[in-house]
Each structure stands twice: as structure tokens, then as C-alpha cells.
N, C-alpha and C. Protein backbone atom coordinates (compact mmCIF):
# COMPACT_ATOMS: atom_id res chain seq x y z
N UNK A 1 74.03 -134.87 33.78
CA UNK A 1 73.07 -135.02 34.80
C UNK A 1 73.68 -134.56 36.11
N UNK A 2 72.89 -133.86 36.93
CA UNK A 2 73.37 -133.32 38.19
C UNK A 2 73.25 -134.36 39.28
N UNK A 3 74.14 -134.24 40.20
CA UNK A 3 74.12 -135.18 41.32
C UNK A 3 73.06 -134.76 42.34
N UNK A 4 72.46 -135.72 42.96
CA UNK A 4 71.49 -135.45 44.02
C UNK A 4 72.24 -134.95 45.25
N UNK A 5 71.71 -133.91 45.90
CA UNK A 5 72.38 -133.46 47.13
C UNK A 5 72.19 -134.50 48.23
N UNK A 6 73.20 -134.60 49.06
CA UNK A 6 73.11 -135.57 50.14
C UNK A 6 72.07 -135.11 51.16
N UNK A 7 71.62 -136.07 51.98
CA UNK A 7 70.61 -135.74 52.99
C UNK A 7 71.15 -134.71 53.97
N UNK A 8 72.41 -134.78 54.25
CA UNK A 8 73.02 -133.85 55.18
C UNK A 8 72.97 -132.42 54.65
N UNK A 9 73.29 -132.23 53.43
CA UNK A 9 73.26 -130.91 52.83
C UNK A 9 71.83 -130.40 52.64
N UNK A 10 70.92 -131.31 52.43
CA UNK A 10 69.54 -130.95 52.20
C UNK A 10 68.91 -130.28 53.44
N UNK A 11 69.25 -130.72 54.64
CA UNK A 11 68.64 -130.21 55.86
C UNK A 11 69.38 -129.02 56.47
N UNK A 12 70.59 -128.75 56.10
CA UNK A 12 71.37 -127.63 56.66
C UNK A 12 71.44 -126.46 55.71
N UNK A 13 70.36 -126.08 55.16
CA UNK A 13 70.35 -125.00 54.19
C UNK A 13 70.43 -123.67 54.93
N UNK A 14 71.55 -123.04 54.89
CA UNK A 14 71.81 -121.70 55.43
C UNK A 14 71.22 -121.49 56.82
N UNK A 15 71.44 -122.38 57.70
CA UNK A 15 70.97 -122.19 59.08
C UNK A 15 72.02 -121.41 59.86
N UNK A 16 71.56 -120.34 60.50
CA UNK A 16 72.45 -119.53 61.33
C UNK A 16 72.33 -120.01 62.78
N UNK A 17 73.40 -119.87 63.51
CA UNK A 17 73.38 -120.26 64.92
C UNK A 17 72.57 -119.23 65.71
N UNK A 18 71.65 -119.68 66.56
CA UNK A 18 70.84 -118.78 67.39
C UNK A 18 71.67 -118.30 68.57
N UNK A 19 71.66 -116.99 68.81
CA UNK A 19 72.41 -116.41 69.93
C UNK A 19 71.42 -115.76 70.88
N UNK A 20 71.69 -115.91 72.15
CA UNK A 20 70.83 -115.35 73.18
C UNK A 20 71.44 -114.04 73.66
N UNK A 21 70.68 -112.95 73.53
CA UNK A 21 71.16 -111.66 74.02
C UNK A 21 70.57 -111.41 75.39
N UNK A 22 71.40 -111.04 76.33
CA UNK A 22 70.96 -110.84 77.70
C UNK A 22 70.60 -109.38 78.01
N UNK A 23 70.80 -108.49 77.08
CA UNK A 23 70.51 -107.07 77.35
C UNK A 23 69.04 -106.84 77.69
N UNK A 24 68.15 -107.38 76.90
CA UNK A 24 66.73 -107.15 77.16
C UNK A 24 66.29 -107.86 78.43
N UNK A 25 66.86 -109.04 78.73
CA UNK A 25 66.50 -109.73 79.97
C UNK A 25 66.99 -108.94 81.19
N UNK A 26 68.17 -108.36 81.10
CA UNK A 26 68.70 -107.56 82.21
C UNK A 26 67.81 -106.33 82.44
N UNK A 27 67.33 -105.72 81.39
CA UNK A 27 66.43 -104.57 81.53
C UNK A 27 65.16 -104.97 82.26
N UNK A 28 64.62 -106.12 81.93
CA UNK A 28 63.39 -106.60 82.58
C UNK A 28 63.65 -106.85 84.06
N UNK A 29 64.78 -107.50 84.39
CA UNK A 29 65.10 -107.77 85.79
C UNK A 29 65.32 -106.48 86.58
N UNK A 30 65.93 -105.48 85.99
CA UNK A 30 66.14 -104.19 86.68
C UNK A 30 64.80 -103.52 86.94
N UNK A 31 63.90 -103.56 85.99
CA UNK A 31 62.57 -102.95 86.17
C UNK A 31 61.81 -103.66 87.29
N UNK A 32 61.87 -104.99 87.32
CA UNK A 32 61.21 -105.75 88.39
C UNK A 32 61.83 -105.42 89.74
N UNK A 33 63.15 -105.33 89.79
CA UNK A 33 63.84 -105.00 91.04
C UNK A 33 63.43 -103.61 91.54
N UNK A 34 63.41 -102.63 90.66
CA UNK A 34 63.00 -101.28 91.06
C UNK A 34 61.55 -101.25 91.53
N UNK A 35 60.69 -101.98 90.87
CA UNK A 35 59.29 -102.04 91.28
C UNK A 35 59.15 -102.63 92.68
N UNK A 36 59.86 -103.73 92.95
CA UNK A 36 59.80 -104.35 94.27
C UNK A 36 60.37 -103.45 95.36
N UNK A 37 61.48 -102.77 95.06
CA UNK A 37 62.06 -101.85 96.05
C UNK A 37 61.10 -100.71 96.36
N UNK A 38 60.44 -100.20 95.34
CA UNK A 38 59.50 -99.10 95.54
C UNK A 38 58.31 -99.54 96.39
N UNK A 39 57.77 -100.73 96.14
CA UNK A 39 56.59 -101.17 96.89
C UNK A 39 56.94 -101.48 98.34
N UNK A 40 58.12 -102.03 98.59
CA UNK A 40 58.50 -102.34 99.97
C UNK A 40 58.86 -101.10 100.76
N UNK A 41 59.42 -100.08 100.10
CA UNK A 41 59.81 -98.88 100.82
C UNK A 41 58.64 -97.91 101.02
N UNK A 42 57.51 -98.13 100.36
CA UNK A 42 56.39 -97.20 100.45
C UNK A 42 55.48 -97.48 101.63
N UNK A 43 55.71 -98.55 102.38
CA UNK A 43 54.83 -98.88 103.48
C UNK A 43 55.35 -98.30 104.78
N UNK A 44 54.44 -97.69 105.55
CA UNK A 44 54.81 -97.18 106.86
C UNK A 44 55.64 -95.92 106.77
N UNK A 45 56.11 -95.45 107.90
CA UNK A 45 56.98 -94.28 107.93
C UNK A 45 57.94 -94.43 109.10
N UNK A 46 58.98 -93.64 109.03
CA UNK A 46 59.98 -93.69 110.06
C UNK A 46 59.54 -92.89 111.27
N UNK A 47 59.83 -93.39 112.43
CA UNK A 47 59.48 -92.72 113.68
C UNK A 47 60.73 -92.07 114.24
N UNK A 48 60.62 -90.82 114.59
CA UNK A 48 61.72 -90.09 115.20
C UNK A 48 62.03 -90.75 116.53
N UNK A 49 63.23 -91.30 116.63
CA UNK A 49 63.59 -92.02 117.85
C UNK A 49 64.50 -91.16 118.70
N UNK A 50 64.13 -90.97 119.92
CA UNK A 50 64.92 -90.20 120.86
C UNK A 50 65.42 -91.14 121.94
N UNK A 51 66.56 -90.80 122.52
CA UNK A 51 67.08 -91.62 123.61
C UNK A 51 66.20 -91.51 124.85
N UNK A 52 65.42 -90.45 124.94
CA UNK A 52 64.54 -90.25 126.09
C UNK A 52 63.13 -90.76 125.83
N UNK A 53 62.92 -91.44 124.71
CA UNK A 53 61.59 -91.93 124.34
C UNK A 53 61.58 -93.45 124.46
N UNK A 54 60.68 -93.96 125.30
CA UNK A 54 60.52 -95.39 125.48
C UNK A 54 59.07 -95.73 125.17
N UNK A 55 58.83 -96.35 124.00
CA UNK A 55 57.47 -96.63 123.55
C UNK A 55 56.88 -97.83 124.29
N UNK A 56 55.56 -97.86 124.48
CA UNK A 56 54.92 -99.03 125.10
C UNK A 56 54.98 -100.23 124.16
N UNK A 57 54.79 -101.41 124.71
CA UNK A 57 54.87 -102.65 123.94
C UNK A 57 53.49 -103.02 123.43
N UNK A 58 53.43 -103.51 122.19
CA UNK A 58 52.16 -103.90 121.58
C UNK A 58 52.33 -105.26 120.90
N UNK A 59 51.22 -105.97 120.73
CA UNK A 59 51.27 -107.25 120.03
C UNK A 59 50.52 -107.19 118.70
N UNK A 60 49.88 -106.09 118.39
CA UNK A 60 49.14 -105.94 117.15
C UNK A 60 50.00 -105.15 116.16
N UNK A 61 50.07 -105.64 114.93
CA UNK A 61 50.90 -104.98 113.93
C UNK A 61 50.00 -104.39 112.85
N UNK A 62 49.88 -103.08 112.83
CA UNK A 62 49.16 -102.36 111.78
C UNK A 62 50.06 -101.27 111.26
N UNK A 63 50.12 -101.15 109.94
CA UNK A 63 50.89 -100.06 109.36
C UNK A 63 50.06 -98.79 109.46
N UNK A 64 50.65 -97.76 110.06
CA UNK A 64 49.92 -96.50 110.15
C UNK A 64 50.18 -95.68 108.89
N UNK A 65 49.21 -94.88 108.53
CA UNK A 65 49.34 -94.04 107.36
C UNK A 65 50.33 -92.92 107.66
N UNK A 66 50.90 -92.44 106.60
CA UNK A 66 51.84 -91.35 106.75
C UNK A 66 51.05 -90.09 107.07
N UNK A 67 51.43 -89.40 108.10
CA UNK A 67 50.76 -88.18 108.51
C UNK A 67 51.74 -87.31 109.27
N UNK A 68 51.22 -86.33 109.94
CA UNK A 68 52.03 -85.46 110.76
C UNK A 68 52.58 -86.26 111.94
N UNK A 69 53.85 -86.06 112.27
CA UNK A 69 54.48 -86.83 113.33
C UNK A 69 54.61 -86.00 114.60
N UNK A 70 54.01 -86.47 115.69
CA UNK A 70 54.06 -85.80 116.98
C UNK A 70 54.75 -86.76 117.96
N UNK A 71 55.83 -86.31 118.58
CA UNK A 71 56.60 -87.14 119.50
C UNK A 71 56.55 -86.49 120.88
N UNK A 72 56.23 -87.29 121.89
CA UNK A 72 56.15 -86.80 123.26
C UNK A 72 57.16 -87.57 124.10
N UNK A 73 58.21 -86.89 124.53
CA UNK A 73 59.18 -87.49 125.43
C UNK A 73 58.84 -87.06 126.85
N UNK A 74 59.67 -87.44 127.81
CA UNK A 74 59.44 -87.03 129.19
C UNK A 74 59.72 -85.55 129.39
N UNK A 75 60.50 -84.95 128.48
CA UNK A 75 60.90 -83.55 128.64
C UNK A 75 60.19 -82.58 127.70
N UNK A 76 59.80 -83.03 126.48
CA UNK A 76 59.38 -82.09 125.45
C UNK A 76 58.37 -82.72 124.51
N UNK A 77 57.56 -81.86 123.88
CA UNK A 77 56.67 -82.28 122.79
C UNK A 77 57.27 -81.75 121.49
N UNK A 78 57.41 -82.66 120.51
CA UNK A 78 57.96 -82.31 119.20
C UNK A 78 56.90 -82.52 118.14
N UNK A 79 56.88 -81.63 117.14
CA UNK A 79 56.06 -81.83 115.95
C UNK A 79 57.02 -81.74 114.77
N UNK A 80 57.10 -82.84 114.01
CA UNK A 80 58.04 -82.93 112.88
C UNK A 80 59.45 -82.55 113.31
N UNK A 81 59.89 -83.11 114.41
CA UNK A 81 61.25 -82.95 114.98
C UNK A 81 61.56 -81.55 115.50
N UNK A 82 60.56 -80.68 115.59
CA UNK A 82 60.78 -79.34 116.12
C UNK A 82 60.18 -79.26 117.52
N UNK A 83 60.95 -78.79 118.51
CA UNK A 83 60.42 -78.69 119.88
C UNK A 83 59.31 -77.64 119.96
N UNK A 84 58.22 -77.99 120.65
CA UNK A 84 57.07 -77.09 120.74
C UNK A 84 56.89 -76.57 122.17
N UNK A 85 56.79 -77.46 123.13
CA UNK A 85 56.52 -77.04 124.51
C UNK A 85 57.16 -78.05 125.47
N UNK A 86 57.59 -77.57 126.62
CA UNK A 86 58.16 -78.46 127.64
C UNK A 86 57.04 -79.21 128.37
N UNK A 87 57.28 -80.47 128.62
CA UNK A 87 56.29 -81.30 129.32
C UNK A 87 56.08 -80.83 130.75
N UNK A 88 57.09 -80.23 131.36
CA UNK A 88 56.97 -79.72 132.72
C UNK A 88 55.85 -78.69 132.80
N UNK A 89 55.76 -77.81 131.79
CA UNK A 89 54.70 -76.80 131.76
C UNK A 89 53.33 -77.42 131.52
N UNK A 90 53.29 -78.51 130.73
CA UNK A 90 52.02 -79.20 130.46
C UNK A 90 51.54 -79.91 131.72
N UNK A 91 52.46 -80.56 132.42
CA UNK A 91 52.10 -81.31 133.63
C UNK A 91 51.58 -80.36 134.71
N UNK A 92 52.20 -79.19 134.83
CA UNK A 92 51.81 -78.21 135.86
C UNK A 92 50.58 -77.40 135.47
N UNK A 93 50.08 -77.56 134.25
CA UNK A 93 48.96 -76.74 133.73
C UNK A 93 49.28 -75.25 133.84
N UNK A 94 50.46 -74.87 133.40
CA UNK A 94 50.92 -73.48 133.49
C UNK A 94 50.01 -72.55 132.70
N UNK A 95 49.85 -71.32 133.22
CA UNK A 95 49.05 -70.31 132.51
C UNK A 95 49.73 -69.98 131.18
N UNK A 96 48.94 -69.83 130.15
CA UNK A 96 49.47 -69.54 128.82
C UNK A 96 49.92 -70.78 128.08
N UNK A 97 49.96 -71.92 128.75
CA UNK A 97 50.36 -73.17 128.10
C UNK A 97 49.17 -74.12 127.98
N UNK A 98 48.44 -74.32 129.07
CA UNK A 98 47.28 -75.23 129.07
C UNK A 98 46.05 -74.45 129.51
N UNK A 99 44.98 -74.55 128.73
CA UNK A 99 43.72 -73.90 129.07
C UNK A 99 42.59 -74.86 128.73
N UNK A 100 41.80 -75.24 129.73
CA UNK A 100 40.68 -76.17 129.57
C UNK A 100 41.12 -77.50 128.93
N UNK A 101 42.28 -77.98 129.29
CA UNK A 101 42.78 -79.25 128.77
C UNK A 101 43.37 -79.18 127.39
N UNK A 102 43.53 -77.99 126.84
CA UNK A 102 44.10 -77.79 125.51
C UNK A 102 45.50 -77.19 125.67
N UNK A 103 46.49 -77.80 125.02
CA UNK A 103 47.86 -77.27 125.05
C UNK A 103 47.96 -76.21 123.95
N UNK A 104 48.01 -74.95 124.35
CA UNK A 104 47.90 -73.83 123.40
C UNK A 104 49.04 -73.76 122.38
N UNK A 105 50.33 -73.89 122.79
CA UNK A 105 51.38 -73.84 121.76
C UNK A 105 51.27 -74.98 120.74
N UNK A 106 50.88 -76.15 121.21
CA UNK A 106 50.71 -77.29 120.31
C UNK A 106 49.54 -77.05 119.36
N UNK A 107 48.45 -76.51 119.87
CA UNK A 107 47.29 -76.23 119.02
C UNK A 107 47.65 -75.22 117.94
N UNK A 108 48.43 -74.21 118.30
CA UNK A 108 48.83 -73.19 117.33
C UNK A 108 49.64 -73.80 116.20
N UNK A 109 50.58 -74.66 116.54
CA UNK A 109 51.42 -75.31 115.51
C UNK A 109 50.58 -76.23 114.64
N UNK A 110 49.69 -77.01 115.25
CA UNK A 110 48.85 -77.93 114.49
C UNK A 110 47.89 -77.19 113.56
N UNK A 111 47.33 -76.08 114.04
CA UNK A 111 46.45 -75.28 113.17
C UNK A 111 47.24 -74.71 111.99
N UNK A 112 48.49 -74.32 112.24
CA UNK A 112 49.35 -73.81 111.18
C UNK A 112 49.60 -74.88 110.12
N UNK A 113 49.92 -76.11 110.56
CA UNK A 113 50.10 -77.21 109.62
C UNK A 113 48.80 -77.51 108.88
N UNK A 114 47.67 -77.42 109.57
CA UNK A 114 46.38 -77.68 108.95
C UNK A 114 46.05 -76.69 107.85
N UNK A 115 46.30 -75.40 108.10
CA UNK A 115 46.02 -74.39 107.07
C UNK A 115 46.95 -74.57 105.86
N UNK A 116 48.21 -74.92 106.11
CA UNK A 116 49.13 -75.18 104.98
C UNK A 116 48.66 -76.39 104.18
N UNK A 117 48.18 -77.41 104.86
CA UNK A 117 47.70 -78.61 104.17
C UNK A 117 46.45 -78.31 103.36
N UNK A 118 45.58 -77.48 103.87
CA UNK A 118 44.36 -77.11 103.13
C UNK A 118 44.71 -76.25 101.90
N UNK A 119 45.74 -75.41 102.02
CA UNK A 119 46.19 -74.64 100.87
C UNK A 119 46.74 -75.56 99.79
N UNK A 120 47.49 -76.58 100.20
CA UNK A 120 47.99 -77.57 99.23
C UNK A 120 46.85 -78.34 98.59
N UNK A 121 45.80 -78.59 99.38
CA UNK A 121 44.65 -79.31 98.85
C UNK A 121 43.97 -78.47 97.76
N UNK A 122 43.82 -77.19 98.01
CA UNK A 122 43.17 -76.32 97.02
C UNK A 122 44.05 -76.14 95.79
N UNK A 123 45.36 -76.02 96.01
CA UNK A 123 46.27 -75.71 94.91
C UNK A 123 46.60 -76.94 94.06
N UNK A 124 46.88 -78.08 94.71
CA UNK A 124 47.35 -79.26 93.99
C UNK A 124 46.40 -80.45 94.04
N UNK A 125 45.36 -80.37 94.84
CA UNK A 125 44.41 -81.47 94.92
C UNK A 125 44.85 -82.59 95.86
N UNK A 126 45.88 -82.34 96.68
CA UNK A 126 46.33 -83.34 97.65
C UNK A 126 45.38 -83.28 98.84
N UNK A 127 44.66 -84.37 99.07
CA UNK A 127 43.61 -84.38 100.09
C UNK A 127 44.20 -84.29 101.50
N UNK A 128 43.63 -83.42 102.32
CA UNK A 128 44.02 -83.30 103.72
C UNK A 128 43.19 -84.29 104.53
N UNK A 129 43.87 -85.29 105.11
CA UNK A 129 43.16 -86.36 105.80
C UNK A 129 43.04 -86.12 107.30
N UNK A 130 43.85 -85.25 107.86
CA UNK A 130 43.81 -85.02 109.30
C UNK A 130 44.49 -86.13 110.08
N UNK A 131 45.42 -86.85 109.44
CA UNK A 131 46.15 -87.93 110.11
C UNK A 131 47.31 -87.37 110.92
N UNK A 132 47.47 -87.89 112.11
CA UNK A 132 48.60 -87.53 112.95
C UNK A 132 49.07 -88.79 113.68
N UNK A 133 50.36 -88.98 113.70
CA UNK A 133 50.97 -90.14 114.36
C UNK A 133 51.60 -89.68 115.67
N UNK A 134 51.10 -90.21 116.78
CA UNK A 134 51.56 -89.79 118.11
C UNK A 134 52.45 -90.89 118.68
N UNK A 135 53.71 -90.54 118.95
CA UNK A 135 54.64 -91.44 119.62
C UNK A 135 54.91 -90.86 121.00
N UNK A 136 54.35 -91.49 122.02
CA UNK A 136 54.47 -90.97 123.38
C UNK A 136 55.24 -91.95 124.25
N UNK A 137 55.98 -91.41 125.19
CA UNK A 137 56.73 -92.23 126.12
C UNK A 137 55.77 -93.07 126.95
N UNK A 138 56.16 -94.31 127.25
CA UNK A 138 55.25 -95.20 127.97
C UNK A 138 55.05 -94.77 129.42
N UNK A 139 55.92 -93.93 129.97
CA UNK A 139 55.78 -93.45 131.35
C UNK A 139 54.97 -92.16 131.45
N UNK A 140 54.41 -91.70 130.33
CA UNK A 140 53.59 -90.50 130.31
C UNK A 140 52.28 -90.76 131.05
N UNK A 141 51.88 -89.83 131.91
CA UNK A 141 50.62 -89.97 132.63
C UNK A 141 49.45 -89.92 131.66
N UNK A 142 48.42 -90.67 131.99
CA UNK A 142 47.22 -90.73 131.15
C UNK A 142 46.58 -89.35 131.01
N UNK A 143 46.58 -88.59 132.07
CA UNK A 143 45.99 -87.25 132.06
C UNK A 143 46.68 -86.35 131.02
N UNK A 144 48.00 -86.47 130.93
CA UNK A 144 48.75 -85.65 129.96
C UNK A 144 48.53 -86.15 128.54
N UNK A 145 48.41 -87.47 128.37
CA UNK A 145 48.11 -88.02 127.05
C UNK A 145 46.73 -87.56 126.58
N UNK A 146 45.77 -87.48 127.49
CA UNK A 146 44.43 -87.00 127.14
C UNK A 146 44.49 -85.54 126.69
N UNK A 147 45.33 -84.74 127.35
CA UNK A 147 45.49 -83.33 126.92
C UNK A 147 46.01 -83.26 125.49
N UNK A 148 46.97 -84.13 125.16
CA UNK A 148 47.55 -84.13 123.81
C UNK A 148 46.50 -84.58 122.79
N UNK A 149 45.77 -85.63 123.11
CA UNK A 149 44.74 -86.14 122.20
C UNK A 149 43.63 -85.10 122.01
N UNK A 150 43.24 -84.45 123.10
CA UNK A 150 42.19 -83.42 123.02
C UNK A 150 42.67 -82.24 122.17
N UNK A 151 43.93 -81.87 122.31
CA UNK A 151 44.48 -80.77 121.52
C UNK A 151 44.52 -81.13 120.04
N UNK A 152 44.92 -82.36 119.72
CA UNK A 152 44.96 -82.79 118.32
C UNK A 152 43.57 -82.79 117.70
N UNK A 153 42.59 -83.30 118.43
CA UNK A 153 41.22 -83.31 117.93
C UNK A 153 40.66 -81.91 117.74
N UNK A 154 41.02 -81.01 118.64
CA UNK A 154 40.55 -79.63 118.59
C UNK A 154 41.22 -78.84 117.46
N UNK A 155 42.39 -79.31 117.01
CA UNK A 155 43.15 -78.60 115.97
C UNK A 155 42.99 -79.26 114.61
N UNK A 156 41.84 -79.90 114.34
CA UNK A 156 41.51 -80.50 113.04
C UNK A 156 42.38 -81.70 112.67
N UNK A 157 42.83 -82.45 113.65
CA UNK A 157 43.54 -83.71 113.41
C UNK A 157 42.80 -84.84 114.14
N UNK A 158 41.66 -85.27 113.58
CA UNK A 158 40.86 -86.29 114.28
C UNK A 158 41.36 -87.72 114.11
N UNK A 159 42.18 -87.98 113.09
CA UNK A 159 42.67 -89.33 112.81
C UNK A 159 44.02 -89.53 113.49
N UNK A 160 43.98 -90.04 114.72
CA UNK A 160 45.20 -90.19 115.51
C UNK A 160 45.64 -91.64 115.51
N UNK A 161 46.95 -91.84 115.34
CA UNK A 161 47.56 -93.16 115.39
C UNK A 161 48.60 -93.15 116.49
N UNK A 162 48.43 -94.03 117.48
CA UNK A 162 49.38 -94.12 118.58
C UNK A 162 50.43 -95.17 118.24
N UNK A 163 51.70 -94.80 118.34
CA UNK A 163 52.79 -95.72 118.02
C UNK A 163 53.14 -96.54 119.25
N UNK A 164 53.54 -97.78 119.00
CA UNK A 164 53.97 -98.67 120.08
C UNK A 164 55.09 -99.54 119.57
N UNK A 165 55.86 -100.07 120.47
CA UNK A 165 56.97 -100.96 120.14
C UNK A 165 56.43 -102.38 120.02
N UNK A 166 56.78 -103.07 118.93
CA UNK A 166 56.28 -104.42 118.69
C UNK A 166 57.39 -105.43 118.99
N UNK A 167 57.12 -106.37 119.88
CA UNK A 167 58.11 -107.39 120.20
C UNK A 167 58.02 -108.54 119.24
């Protein structure tokens, strides 16, 4: 006659120890980390900061859409970090520079960017929104700012965002 197995042996029938593998958990955490980094870095855009540029102060915080960047210092107007025209000529309404409140060299550059954007729209389907981000010095005269705004509107950039310093 065979002996009855003990209760201890009866319940421990070939049980293997469970091991926790961290490889798949680490993969999940890396994917979550990359997703969070991507979403936080996709908001807003960097503003070209010049030592001669002093932005006005604002209390409203809105993220502006990414668009063409226009920077106006006391000395020069820049589009995408490239100097376009001296502010001295704009202030004086020099012939060949300003005509009927339109800054001609700036309009030429903006129209050039507009045609390139429309070509990209036709070729790749990237929609041209007409967004432009204007960062102007806070000491800029209102009359000169109006010339810049009028030029942007005349050159197919109706969606203007004015940058300001937030305290």
C-alpha cells in the first residue's frame, strides 16, 4: 500500500518562483518620457533676443502660433534673423524705402516668403496661414509700428502676433 502524500507536498506541486522582469516596464517609462518631452517642447517658439531689443511688459499669457519671425530693434528690422532695412531710413520715410506707409524692402522679403510658402502648400499640402510674430522694441514710435503692421498686412500676412515680456 502506498503512503499518502503529506499536506505540504500536496500543495507545492512543481511551483516555480515568479520573477519580475523590468525590461518591458523600462520601455513603457521611456515611451511616456519621450511623449511628455515632445508635448512640452512643441508649444510656442523661441524669440530672437537681441541686446538692443527691449520688449514691452504684458500680463496676459497666450502661446502664439509658430509663424514667420519679424524682429524690430531700435537700429534694424530683421526677418528670420536676417537684416532687412535700417530703422533710421524707416523713421525718415526715405525715398525707395517707405512709400504710402509701406516699407518696400520688408514687403519684398515678406512677399518672397509668401510665394515660397504657397509653393510648399501646393507641393506638400502644408497650409499657409499668414501668421507672423512681431517682436518690437518697447521704445518704437507708434507711427513706425503702424508702418510695419501695414506692410505685413499688405504682404499677405494678416495674422499678426505681437510679442511682449511677461512678468
